[in-house]
N, C-alpha and C. Protein backbone atom coordinates (compact mmCIF):
# COMPACT_ATOMS: atom_id res chain seq x y z
N UNK A 1 -11.72 -8.94 35.33
CA UNK A 1 -10.54 -9.51 34.88
C UNK A 1 -10.35 -10.47 33.92
N UNK A 2 -11.22 -11.70 33.97
CA UNK A 2 -11.16 -12.69 33.09
C UNK A 2 -11.44 -12.29 31.64
N UNK A 3 -12.60 -11.32 31.61
CA UNK A 3 -12.95 -10.56 30.53
C UNK A 3 -11.89 -10.08 29.88
N UNK A 4 -10.98 -9.31 30.42
CA UNK A 4 -9.73 -8.71 29.80
C UNK A 4 -9.00 -9.54 29.41
N UNK A 5 -8.61 -10.77 30.01
CA UNK A 5 -7.80 -11.75 29.34
C UNK A 5 -8.22 -12.60 28.21
N UNK A 6 -9.50 -12.50 28.22
CA UNK A 6 -10.27 -13.26 27.00
C UNK A 6 -10.04 -12.13 25.74
N UNK A 7 -10.28 -10.86 26.00
CA UNK A 7 -10.12 -10.02 24.97
C UNK A 7 -8.77 -9.76 24.53
N UNK A 8 -7.87 -9.86 25.35
CA UNK A 8 -6.50 -9.86 25.22
C UNK A 8 -6.00 -11.12 24.19
N UNK A 9 -6.44 -12.17 24.62
CA UNK A 9 -6.16 -13.24 23.99
C UNK A 9 -6.79 -13.39 22.34
N UNK A 10 -7.98 -12.68 22.34
CA UNK A 10 -8.62 -12.68 20.97
C UNK A 10 -7.96 -11.64 20.25
N UNK A 11 -7.35 -10.68 20.87
CA UNK A 11 -6.60 -9.71 20.09
C UNK A 11 -5.48 -10.24 19.49
N UNK A 12 -4.72 -10.78 20.41
CA UNK A 12 -3.51 -11.81 19.99
C UNK A 12 -3.68 -12.67 18.84
N UNK A 13 -4.68 -13.43 18.84
CA UNK A 13 -5.08 -14.26 17.74
C UNK A 13 -5.37 -13.70 16.46
N UNK A 14 -6.15 -12.49 16.63
CA UNK A 14 -6.56 -11.66 15.37
C UNK A 14 -5.01 -11.21 14.84
N UNK A 15 -4.33 -10.52 15.71
CA UNK A 15 -2.99 -10.22 15.12
C UNK A 15 -2.00 -11.38 14.60
N UNK A 16 -1.97 -12.23 15.06
CA UNK A 16 -1.35 -13.53 14.77
C UNK A 16 -1.75 -13.97 13.18
N UNK A 17 -3.10 -13.88 13.21
CA UNK A 17 -3.78 -14.10 11.67
C UNK A 17 -3.53 -13.01 10.58
N UNK A 18 -3.55 -11.79 11.27
CA UNK A 18 -3.35 -10.82 10.32
C UNK A 18 -1.78 -10.75 9.65
N UNK A 19 -0.96 -10.85 10.77
CA UNK A 19 0.47 -10.84 10.60
C UNK A 19 1.04 -12.19 9.44
N UNK A 20 0.37 -13.31 9.94
CA UNK A 20 0.87 -14.52 9.11
C UNK A 20 0.16 -14.45 7.76
N UNK A 21 -1.28 -13.89 7.55
CA UNK A 21 -1.74 -13.76 6.26
C UNK A 21 -1.04 -12.72 5.47
N UNK A 22 -0.41 -11.70 6.06
CA UNK A 22 0.16 -10.62 5.43
C UNK A 22 1.23 -11.38 4.62
N UNK A 23 2.15 -11.95 5.42
CA UNK A 23 3.23 -12.62 4.75
C UNK A 23 3.20 -13.40 3.87
N UNK A 24 2.09 -14.75 4.12
CA UNK A 24 1.83 -15.61 3.08
C UNK A 24 1.24 -14.90 1.80
N UNK A 25 0.21 -14.07 1.81
CA UNK A 25 -0.40 -13.63 0.74
C UNK A 25 0.70 -12.70 -0.06
N UNK A 26 1.46 -12.05 0.64
CA UNK A 26 2.65 -11.29 -0.14
C UNK A 26 3.74 -12.18 -0.92
N UNK A 27 4.00 -13.28 -0.48
CA UNK A 27 4.95 -14.11 -1.05
C UNK A 27 4.05 -15.06 -2.04
N UNK A 28 2.89 -15.48 -1.85
CA UNK A 28 2.36 -16.46 -2.48
C UNK A 28 1.10 -16.08 -3.59
N UNK A 29 0.43 -14.98 -2.93
CA UNK A 29 -0.84 -14.40 -3.68
C UNK A 29 -2.06 -14.89 -2.68
N UNK A 30 -3.14 -14.20 -3.10
CA UNK A 30 -3.94 -14.88 -2.13
C UNK A 30 -4.98 -15.80 -2.22
N UNK A 31 -5.44 -16.28 -3.66
CA UNK A 31 -6.10 -17.56 -3.92
C UNK A 31 -5.14 -18.69 -3.52
N UNK A 32 -4.01 -18.61 -3.95
CA UNK A 32 -3.14 -20.00 -3.59
C UNK A 32 -2.70 -20.14 -2.20
N UNK A 33 -3.11 -19.32 -0.99
CA UNK A 33 -2.78 -19.64 0.06
C UNK A 33 -4.26 -20.15 0.77
N UNK A 34 -4.36 -21.68 0.99
CA UNK A 34 -5.57 -22.15 1.59
C UNK A 34 -5.82 -21.74 2.90
N UNK A 35 -6.94 -22.03 3.53
CA UNK A 35 -7.24 -21.61 4.91
C UNK A 35 -6.49 -22.46 5.70
N UNK A 36 -6.47 -23.91 5.44
CA UNK A 36 -5.76 -24.74 6.41
C UNK A 36 -4.29 -24.33 6.49
N UNK A 37 -3.42 -23.96 5.51
CA UNK A 37 -2.14 -23.50 5.47
C UNK A 37 -2.06 -22.19 6.33
N UNK A 38 -3.17 -21.25 6.10
CA UNK A 38 -2.81 -20.11 6.91
C UNK A 38 -3.30 -20.24 8.25
N UNK A 39 -4.25 -21.15 8.90
CA UNK A 39 -4.36 -21.45 10.16
C UNK A 39 -3.12 -22.18 10.65
N UNK A 40 -2.58 -23.34 10.09
CA UNK A 40 -1.64 -23.73 10.71
C UNK A 40 -0.29 -22.96 11.01
N UNK A 41 -0.14 -21.86 10.02
CA UNK A 41 1.11 -21.33 10.05
C UNK A 41 0.77 -19.91 11.54
N UNK A 42 -0.39 -19.86 11.23
CA UNK A 42 -0.62 -18.70 12.45
C UNK A 42 -0.90 -19.47 13.75
N UNK A 43 -1.11 -20.91 13.86
CA UNK A 43 -1.50 -21.37 15.08
C UNK A 43 -2.86 -21.36 15.63
N UNK A 44 -3.73 -20.81 14.88
CA UNK A 44 -5.26 -20.59 15.43
C UNK A 44 -6.04 -21.67 14.78
N UNK A 45 -7.34 -21.77 15.47
CA UNK A 45 -8.29 -22.70 14.98
C UNK A 45 -9.30 -22.08 13.98
N UNK A 46 -9.89 -22.72 13.05
CA UNK A 46 -10.72 -22.23 12.05
C UNK A 46 -11.92 -21.32 12.65
N UNK A 47 -12.46 -21.99 13.83
CA UNK A 47 -13.44 -21.14 14.39
C UNK A 47 -12.97 -19.56 14.74
N UNK A 48 -11.66 -19.32 15.05
CA UNK A 48 -11.11 -18.20 15.14
C UNK A 48 -11.21 -17.13 14.19
N UNK A 49 -10.81 -17.74 12.76
CA UNK A 49 -10.70 -16.95 11.65
C UNK A 49 -12.17 -16.50 11.29
N UNK A 50 -13.26 -17.37 11.54
CA UNK A 50 -14.74 -16.86 11.25
C UNK A 50 -15.09 -16.11 12.19
N UNK A 51 -14.71 -16.33 13.28
CA UNK A 51 -15.16 -15.39 14.51
C UNK A 51 -14.64 -13.96 14.28
N UNK A 52 -13.28 -13.67 14.10
CA UNK A 52 -12.80 -12.56 14.02
C UNK A 52 -13.02 -11.64 12.72
N UNK A 53 -13.19 -12.47 11.50
CA UNK A 53 -13.32 -11.86 10.25
C UNK A 53 -14.40 -12.43 9.38
N UNK A 54 -15.01 -13.58 9.57
CA UNK A 54 -16.24 -13.87 8.96
C UNK A 54 -15.68 -14.81 7.74
N UNK A 55 -15.00 -14.30 7.01
CA UNK A 55 -14.68 -15.02 5.83
C UNK A 55 -13.12 -14.78 5.40
N UNK A 56 -12.37 -15.40 4.42
CA UNK A 56 -11.12 -15.17 3.92
C UNK A 56 -11.15 -13.89 3.28
N UNK A 57 -12.18 -13.51 2.40
CA UNK A 57 -12.15 -12.14 1.76
C UNK A 57 -12.15 -11.17 2.72
N UNK A 58 -12.88 -11.24 4.00
CA UNK A 58 -12.77 -10.07 5.09
C UNK A 58 -11.32 -10.15 5.58
N UNK A 59 -10.90 -11.32 5.99
CA UNK A 59 -9.43 -11.21 6.41
C UNK A 59 -8.38 -10.40 5.45
N UNK A 60 -8.42 -10.87 4.06
CA UNK A 60 -7.80 -10.16 3.03
C UNK A 60 -8.20 -8.63 3.32
N UNK A 61 -9.34 -8.23 3.35
CA UNK A 61 -9.75 -6.90 3.55
C UNK A 61 -8.88 -6.25 4.63
N UNK A 62 -8.97 -7.02 5.61
CA UNK A 62 -8.41 -6.45 6.99
C UNK A 62 -6.97 -6.38 7.00
N UNK A 63 -6.24 -7.29 6.11
CA UNK A 63 -4.78 -7.28 5.90
C UNK A 63 -4.44 -6.12 5.22
N UNK A 64 -5.31 -5.87 4.15
CA UNK A 64 -4.92 -4.42 3.14
C UNK A 64 -5.28 -3.40 4.17
N UNK A 65 -6.28 -3.24 4.78
CA UNK A 65 -6.64 -1.99 5.37
C UNK A 65 -5.50 -1.55 6.72
N UNK A 66 -4.84 -2.78 7.12
CA UNK A 66 -3.77 -2.72 8.21
C UNK A 66 -2.50 -2.18 7.33
N UNK A 67 -2.30 -2.67 6.48
CA UNK A 67 -1.26 -2.24 5.56
C UNK A 67 -1.47 -0.74 5.22
N UNK A 68 -2.40 -0.43 4.57
CA UNK A 68 -2.85 0.91 4.46
C UNK A 68 -2.51 1.87 5.26
N UNK A 69 -2.75 1.60 6.64
CA UNK A 69 -2.44 2.08 7.83
C UNK A 69 -0.93 2.42 8.23
N UNK A 70 -0.44 1.38 7.84
CA UNK A 70 1.24 1.25 8.10
C UNK A 70 1.66 2.26 7.21
N UNK A 71 1.37 2.17 6.02
CA UNK A 71 1.82 2.92 4.68
C UNK A 71 1.60 4.43 5.04
N UNK A 72 0.41 4.77 5.38
CA UNK A 72 0.03 6.07 5.68
C UNK A 72 0.79 6.67 6.68
N UNK A 73 1.00 6.07 8.01
CA UNK A 73 1.79 6.50 9.02
C UNK A 73 3.21 6.66 8.44
N UNK A 74 3.82 5.87 7.67
CA UNK A 74 5.15 5.96 7.39
C UNK A 74 5.29 7.12 6.20
N UNK A 75 4.30 7.29 5.34
CA UNK A 75 4.34 8.39 4.49
C UNK A 75 4.32 9.68 4.99
N UNK A 76 3.41 9.85 6.07
CA UNK A 76 3.20 11.06 7.12
C UNK A 76 4.50 11.33 7.66
N UNK A 77 5.17 10.36 8.18
CA UNK A 77 6.45 10.72 8.94
C UNK A 77 7.58 11.19 7.98
N UNK A 78 7.55 10.70 6.55
CA UNK A 78 8.44 10.90 5.90
C UNK A 78 8.17 12.46 5.33
N UNK A 79 6.88 12.41 4.97
CA UNK A 79 6.65 13.88 4.45
C UNK A 79 6.95 15.24 5.43
N UNK A 80 6.64 14.63 6.91
CA UNK A 80 6.89 15.70 7.76
C UNK A 80 8.39 16.03 8.11
N UNK A 81 9.10 15.07 7.71
CA UNK A 81 10.53 15.17 7.79
C UNK A 81 11.25 15.70 6.50
N UNK A 82 10.60 16.00 5.42
CA UNK A 82 11.13 16.34 4.21
C UNK A 82 11.54 17.88 4.43
N UNK A 83 12.71 18.04 3.94
CA UNK A 83 13.35 19.58 4.08
C UNK A 83 12.76 20.26 2.85
N UNK A 84 12.64 21.59 3.08
CA UNK A 84 12.01 22.57 1.89
C UNK A 84 10.63 22.54 1.66
N UNK A 85 9.97 22.73 0.49
CA UNK A 85 8.77 23.00 0.34
C UNK A 85 7.95 21.81 -0.25
N UNK A 86 6.86 22.24 -0.98
CA UNK A 86 6.05 21.05 -1.56
C UNK A 86 6.77 20.40 -2.55
N UNK A 87 7.69 20.67 -3.42
CA UNK A 87 8.37 19.80 -4.29
C UNK A 87 8.93 18.68 -3.85
N UNK A 88 9.98 19.17 -2.52
CA UNK A 88 10.75 18.19 -1.95
C UNK A 88 9.85 17.27 -1.13
N UNK A 89 8.72 17.67 -0.86
CA UNK A 89 7.70 16.68 -0.01
C UNK A 89 6.97 15.39 -1.07
N UNK A 90 6.83 16.20 -2.31
CA UNK A 90 6.47 15.03 -3.41
C UNK A 90 7.66 13.98 -3.63
N UNK A 91 8.63 14.64 -3.94
CA UNK A 91 9.87 13.64 -4.02
C UNK A 91 10.14 12.94 -2.69
N UNK A 92 9.86 13.27 -1.63
CA UNK A 92 9.89 12.55 -0.42
C UNK A 92 9.19 11.26 -0.60
N UNK A 93 7.71 11.28 -1.18
CA UNK A 93 7.04 10.22 -1.48
C UNK A 93 7.82 9.00 -2.28
N UNK A 94 8.56 9.55 -3.29
CA UNK A 94 9.30 8.79 -3.92
C UNK A 94 10.30 8.13 -3.40
N UNK A 95 10.94 8.92 -2.51
CA UNK A 95 12.01 8.26 -1.53
C UNK A 95 11.52 7.11 -0.76
N UNK A 96 10.34 7.50 -0.23
CA UNK A 96 9.79 6.34 0.78
C UNK A 96 9.38 5.13 -0.40
N UNK A 97 8.98 5.36 -1.56
CA UNK A 97 8.61 4.20 -2.39
C UNK A 97 10.08 3.31 -2.97
N UNK A 98 11.10 4.04 -3.08
CA UNK A 98 12.41 3.56 -3.33
C UNK A 98 12.79 2.77 -2.13
N UNK A 99 12.58 2.96 -0.85
CA UNK A 99 12.97 2.32 0.17
C UNK A 99 11.92 0.97 0.39
N UNK A 100 10.73 1.31 0.05
CA UNK A 100 9.94 0.11 0.19
C UNK A 100 10.12 -1.07 -0.77
N UNK A 101 10.50 -0.62 -2.04
CA UNK A 101 10.93 -1.86 -3.10
C UNK A 101 12.22 -2.46 -2.83
N UNK A 102 13.17 -1.81 -2.12
CA UNK A 102 14.18 -2.21 -1.65
C UNK A 102 14.19 -3.01 -0.46
N UNK A 103 13.27 -2.94 0.36
CA UNK A 103 13.08 -3.72 1.75
C UNK A 103 13.01 -5.20 1.36
N UNK A 104 13.47 -6.06 2.14
CA UNK A 104 13.63 -7.69 2.08
C UNK A 104 12.05 -8.06 1.96
N UNK A 105 11.00 -7.56 2.57
CA UNK A 105 9.60 -7.98 2.59
C UNK A 105 9.02 -7.43 1.28
N UNK A 106 9.44 -6.71 0.46
CA UNK A 106 8.73 -6.54 -0.81
C UNK A 106 8.57 -7.82 -1.82
N UNK A 107 7.55 -7.85 -1.87
CA UNK A 107 7.05 -9.11 -3.08
C UNK A 107 6.08 -8.56 -4.06
N UNK A 108 6.09 -7.49 -4.13
CA UNK A 108 4.96 -6.81 -5.11
C UNK A 108 4.07 -6.16 -4.28
N UNK A 109 3.07 -5.47 -4.96
CA UNK A 109 2.08 -4.64 -4.39
C UNK A 109 0.93 -5.40 -4.02
N UNK A 110 0.64 -5.62 -2.69
CA UNK A 110 -0.56 -6.48 -2.34
C UNK A 110 -1.82 -5.79 -2.73
N UNK A 111 -2.04 -4.49 -3.11
CA UNK A 111 -3.24 -3.93 -3.47
C UNK A 111 -3.30 -4.23 -5.00
N UNK A 112 -2.34 -4.27 -5.76
CA UNK A 112 -2.32 -4.54 -7.07
C UNK A 112 -2.71 -6.00 -7.18
N UNK A 113 -2.08 -6.82 -6.43
CA UNK A 113 -2.27 -8.23 -6.76
C UNK A 113 -3.97 -8.39 -6.10
N UNK A 114 -4.57 -7.86 -5.01
CA UNK A 114 -6.03 -7.77 -4.69
C UNK A 114 -6.62 -7.42 -5.83
N UNK A 115 -6.57 -6.60 -6.52
CA UNK A 115 -7.41 -6.00 -7.68
C UNK A 115 -7.26 -7.19 -8.62
N UNK A 116 -6.07 -7.76 -9.01
CA UNK A 116 -5.86 -8.85 -9.86
C UNK A 116 -6.60 -10.09 -9.63
N UNK A 117 -6.62 -10.50 -8.66
CA UNK A 117 -7.15 -11.63 -8.05
C UNK A 117 -8.57 -11.53 -7.75
N UNK A 118 -9.32 -10.51 -7.44
CA UNK A 118 -10.64 -10.14 -7.16
C UNK A 118 -11.07 -9.09 -8.05
N UNK A 119 -11.51 -9.40 -9.37
CA UNK A 119 -11.77 -8.39 -10.32
C UNK A 119 -13.13 -7.71 -10.29
N UNK A 120 -14.03 -8.22 -9.53
CA UNK A 120 -15.30 -7.74 -9.61
C UNK A 120 -15.54 -6.70 -8.61
N UNK A 121 -16.19 -5.88 -8.98
CA UNK A 121 -16.38 -4.46 -8.12
C UNK A 121 -17.11 -4.65 -6.81
N UNK A 122 -17.79 -5.80 -6.57
CA UNK A 122 -18.31 -5.97 -5.37
C UNK A 122 -17.38 -6.76 -4.40
N UNK A 123 -16.27 -7.12 -4.92
CA UNK A 123 -15.35 -7.98 -4.06
C UNK A 123 -14.51 -6.99 -3.04
N UNK A 124 -14.58 -7.45 -2.01
CA UNK A 124 -14.35 -6.77 -0.79
C UNK A 124 -12.61 -6.28 -0.85
N UNK A 125 -11.76 -7.40 -1.19
CA UNK A 125 -10.45 -6.87 -1.43
C UNK A 125 -10.19 -5.99 -2.39
N UNK A 126 -10.97 -5.93 -3.58
CA UNK A 126 -10.78 -5.10 -4.54
C UNK A 126 -11.32 -3.57 -4.11
N UNK A 127 -12.36 -3.57 -3.21
CA UNK A 127 -12.78 -2.34 -2.86
C UNK A 127 -11.87 -1.75 -1.95
N UNK A 128 -11.12 -2.32 -1.04
CA UNK A 128 -10.08 -1.84 -0.25
C UNK A 128 -8.93 -1.27 -1.11
N UNK A 129 -8.64 -2.26 -2.18
CA UNK A 129 -7.33 -1.79 -2.93
C UNK A 129 -7.75 -0.65 -3.84
N UNK A 130 -8.94 -0.33 -4.27
CA UNK A 130 -9.39 0.78 -5.01
C UNK A 130 -9.45 1.88 -3.93
N UNK A 131 -9.85 1.76 -2.84
CA UNK A 131 -9.78 3.22 -1.89
C UNK A 131 -8.36 3.50 -1.53
N UNK A 132 -7.69 2.42 -1.44
CA UNK A 132 -6.16 2.72 -1.05
C UNK A 132 -5.53 3.77 -2.11
N UNK A 133 -5.58 3.13 -3.43
CA UNK A 133 -4.98 3.83 -4.40
C UNK A 133 -5.64 4.85 -4.68
N UNK A 134 -7.10 5.15 -4.38
CA UNK A 134 -7.56 6.67 -4.67
C UNK A 134 -7.01 7.48 -3.62
N UNK A 135 -6.70 7.01 -2.31
CA UNK A 135 -6.36 7.77 -1.44
C UNK A 135 -4.65 8.34 -1.68
N UNK A 136 -4.10 7.34 -2.36
CA UNK A 136 -2.49 7.80 -2.91
C UNK A 136 -2.73 9.09 -3.74
N UNK A 137 -3.67 8.76 -4.70
CA UNK A 137 -3.83 9.82 -5.73
C UNK A 137 -4.17 11.10 -5.01
N UNK A 138 -5.23 11.06 -4.10
CA UNK A 138 -5.68 12.42 -3.19
C UNK A 138 -4.39 12.99 -2.68
N UNK A 139 -3.55 12.06 -1.99
CA UNK A 139 -2.28 12.85 -1.38
C UNK A 139 -1.51 13.37 -2.38
N UNK A 140 -1.25 12.90 -3.40
CA UNK A 140 -0.54 13.61 -4.58
C UNK A 140 -1.20 14.91 -5.08
N UNK A 141 -2.44 14.69 -5.23
CA UNK A 141 -3.17 16.03 -5.57
C UNK A 141 -2.89 17.18 -4.52
N UNK A 142 -3.07 16.61 -3.35
CA UNK A 142 -2.75 17.82 -2.34
C UNK A 142 -1.51 18.36 -2.37
N UNK A 143 -0.46 17.57 -2.57
CA UNK A 143 0.94 18.00 -2.78
C UNK A 143 1.33 18.89 -3.92
N UNK A 144 0.37 18.44 -4.98
CA UNK A 144 0.58 19.18 -6.40
C UNK A 144 -0.24 20.43 -6.06
N UNK A 145 -1.33 20.52 -5.56
CA UNK A 145 -1.96 21.92 -5.28
C UNK A 145 -1.19 22.88 -4.65
N UNK A 146 -0.34 22.34 -3.65
CA UNK A 146 0.46 23.32 -2.88
C UNK A 146 1.60 23.78 -3.87
N UNK A 147 1.97 23.27 -5.03
CA UNK A 147 2.91 23.76 -5.97
C UNK A 147 2.60 25.06 -6.52
N UNK A 148 1.29 25.02 -6.52
CA UNK A 148 0.71 26.31 -7.47
C UNK A 148 0.82 26.04 -8.77
N UNK A 149 0.91 24.84 -9.49
CA UNK A 149 0.63 24.75 -10.98
C UNK A 149 -0.55 24.83 -11.44
N UNK A 150 -0.60 25.08 -12.75
CA UNK A 150 -1.96 25.18 -13.21
C UNK A 150 -2.87 23.96 -13.32
N UNK A 151 -2.51 22.73 -13.64
CA UNK A 151 -3.33 21.76 -13.38
C UNK A 151 -2.76 20.56 -12.47
N UNK A 152 -3.08 20.85 -11.20
CA UNK A 152 -2.42 20.15 -10.08
C UNK A 152 -2.93 18.65 -10.16
N UNK A 153 -4.28 18.34 -10.60
CA UNK A 153 -4.80 17.07 -10.64
C UNK A 153 -4.04 16.25 -11.65
N UNK A 154 -4.02 16.75 -12.82
CA UNK A 154 -3.30 16.09 -14.05
C UNK A 154 -1.93 15.59 -13.52
N UNK A 155 -1.12 16.76 -12.91
CA UNK A 155 0.39 16.46 -12.44
C UNK A 155 0.21 15.24 -11.77
N UNK A 156 -0.85 15.15 -10.46
CA UNK A 156 -0.93 14.29 -9.69
C UNK A 156 -1.30 12.80 -10.49
N UNK A 157 -2.09 12.85 -11.36
CA UNK A 157 -2.37 11.68 -12.21
C UNK A 157 -0.96 11.05 -12.73
N UNK A 158 -0.20 11.93 -13.45
CA UNK A 158 1.20 11.48 -13.92
C UNK A 158 1.98 10.96 -12.82
N UNK A 159 2.23 11.89 -11.88
CA UNK A 159 3.24 11.19 -10.72
C UNK A 159 2.52 9.66 -10.08
N UNK A 160 1.08 9.53 -10.15
CA UNK A 160 0.66 8.46 -9.57
C UNK A 160 0.98 7.17 -10.51
N UNK A 161 0.64 7.63 -11.98
CA UNK A 161 1.43 6.62 -12.91
C UNK A 161 2.77 6.35 -12.73
N UNK A 162 3.52 7.31 -12.53
CA UNK A 162 5.00 6.75 -12.57
C UNK A 162 5.20 5.86 -11.22
N UNK A 163 4.45 6.17 -10.15
CA UNK A 163 4.42 5.22 -8.85
C UNK A 163 4.22 4.00 -9.10
N UNK A 164 2.88 3.83 -9.54
CA UNK A 164 2.46 2.52 -10.04
C UNK A 164 3.14 1.52 -10.93
N UNK A 165 3.78 2.39 -11.77
CA UNK A 165 4.72 1.88 -12.93
C UNK A 165 5.75 1.26 -12.29
N UNK A 166 6.41 2.03 -11.50
CA UNK A 166 7.54 1.77 -10.51
C UNK A 166 7.40 0.53 -9.85
N UNK A 167 6.12 0.38 -9.05
CA UNK A 167 6.06 -0.83 -8.23
C UNK A 167 5.76 -2.18 -9.12
N UNK A 168 5.09 -1.96 -10.14
CA UNK A 168 4.99 -3.13 -11.07
C UNK A 168 6.32 -3.74 -11.71
N UNK A 169 7.25 -2.77 -12.19
CA UNK A 169 8.57 -3.10 -12.72
C UNK A 169 9.51 -3.33 -11.62
N UNK A 170 9.48 -2.89 -10.50
CA UNK A 170 10.33 -3.29 -9.41
C UNK A 170 10.19 -4.93 -9.07
N UNK A 171 8.91 -5.16 -9.04
CA UNK A 171 8.51 -6.73 -8.91
C UNK A 171 8.72 -7.51 -9.85
N UNK A 172 8.37 -7.08 -11.16
CA UNK A 172 8.34 -8.02 -12.19
C UNK A 172 9.94 -8.25 -12.65
N UNK A 173 10.72 -7.14 -12.70
CA UNK A 173 12.11 -7.22 -13.04
C UNK A 173 13.06 -7.46 -11.95
N UNK A 174 12.55 -7.50 -10.72
CA UNK A 174 13.45 -7.53 -9.33
C UNK A 174 14.56 -6.48 -9.49
N UNK A 175 14.11 -5.32 -9.79
CA UNK A 175 15.00 -4.17 -9.78
C UNK A 175 14.44 -3.04 -9.30
N UNK A 176 15.04 -2.66 -8.08
CA UNK A 176 14.49 -1.59 -7.26
C UNK A 176 14.81 -0.05 -7.91
N UNK A 177 15.50 -0.41 -8.89
CA UNK A 177 16.17 0.98 -9.62
C UNK A 177 14.81 1.54 -10.38
N UNK A 178 13.61 0.84 -10.57
CA UNK A 178 12.47 1.48 -11.15
C UNK A 178 12.08 2.58 -10.25
N UNK A 179 12.25 2.50 -8.99
CA UNK A 179 11.57 3.50 -8.07
C UNK A 179 12.46 4.86 -8.15
N UNK A 180 13.79 4.69 -8.23
CA UNK A 180 14.61 6.07 -8.59
C UNK A 180 14.54 6.66 -9.80
N UNK A 181 14.40 5.63 -10.70
CA UNK A 181 13.92 6.06 -12.19
C UNK A 181 12.87 6.92 -12.17
N UNK A 182 11.65 6.33 -11.58
CA UNK A 182 10.44 7.26 -11.44
C UNK A 182 10.63 8.47 -10.71
N UNK A 183 11.40 8.64 -9.59
CA UNK A 183 11.81 9.85 -9.02
C UNK A 183 12.38 10.84 -9.77
N UNK A 184 13.36 10.41 -10.67
CA UNK A 184 14.00 11.23 -11.64
C UNK A 184 12.91 11.66 -12.66
N UNK A 185 12.01 10.91 -13.16
CA UNK A 185 11.02 11.37 -14.03
C UNK A 185 9.98 12.32 -13.55
N UNK A 186 9.61 11.99 -12.08
CA UNK A 186 8.89 12.86 -11.27
C UNK A 186 9.49 14.26 -11.27
N UNK A 187 10.89 14.33 -10.97
CA UNK A 187 11.42 15.98 -10.87
C UNK A 187 11.30 16.52 -12.38
N UNK A 188 11.40 15.76 -13.54
CA UNK A 188 11.18 16.48 -14.78
C UNK A 188 9.77 17.08 -14.73
N UNK A 189 8.82 16.34 -14.34
CA UNK A 189 7.38 16.52 -14.57
C UNK A 189 7.03 17.63 -13.60
N UNK A 190 7.62 17.77 -12.52
CA UNK A 190 7.27 18.81 -11.67
C UNK A 190 7.98 20.00 -12.12
N UNK A 191 9.00 19.89 -12.87
CA UNK A 191 9.79 21.16 -13.35
C UNK A 191 8.98 21.81 -14.54
N UNK A 192 8.47 20.76 -15.41
CA UNK A 192 7.71 21.18 -16.55
C UNK A 192 6.60 21.91 -15.97
N UNK A 193 5.78 21.25 -14.99
CA UNK A 193 4.36 21.73 -14.60
C UNK A 193 4.52 23.13 -14.13
N UNK A 194 5.71 23.42 -13.40
CA UNK A 194 5.98 24.58 -12.70
C UNK A 194 6.64 25.76 -13.56
N UNK A 195 7.11 25.48 -14.74
CA UNK A 195 7.72 26.58 -15.66
C UNK A 195 6.59 27.33 -16.28
N UNK A 196 6.78 28.75 -16.22
CA UNK A 196 5.78 29.60 -16.73
C UNK A 196 5.48 29.20 -18.20
N UNK A 197 4.29 29.36 -18.48
CA UNK A 197 3.79 29.39 -19.88
C UNK A 197 4.46 30.26 -20.80
N UNK A 198 4.78 29.75 -22.08
CA UNK A 198 5.36 30.56 -22.94
C UNK A 198 4.66 31.64 -23.52
């Protein structure tokens, strides 16, 4: 019984660190948030951070992995609810993106920020960011493959480029219309890829 309480306490402290870190990193960036600030905001001791994660970089990686899981779940639900076929499922990804950049908690893409602040190939935050972005491209490749177009991987790269550009511009210009503009452009690309060759 006591062991269960200890485990629950450790889990609660871990979640508090992850949630607080995600909020601070989103607003201020990774390197700008000091350990002491993070610990004070989360209400946990330094030993908890190092016991749960080992280092700030591993905490950042855990924040990104949790966010990747949340995004994956949100996207899966949106895709499952999308009416029609593959074309509508691809556009549902852009609808999800538009909702994300309009949300009050959107302060830019934490994965892009991680790659910018941790530029070395061996940096854990960068590795998690790269894996997530590769997963996004693979999702698009699968959806484009269902369309039956000649070059699904090429179309997926183009759509991925639209998504990433929308994320950057929505944050930089503080204008969520970048996502709806990207959706409009995606419709054009999909139509062009699906058109019969002359």
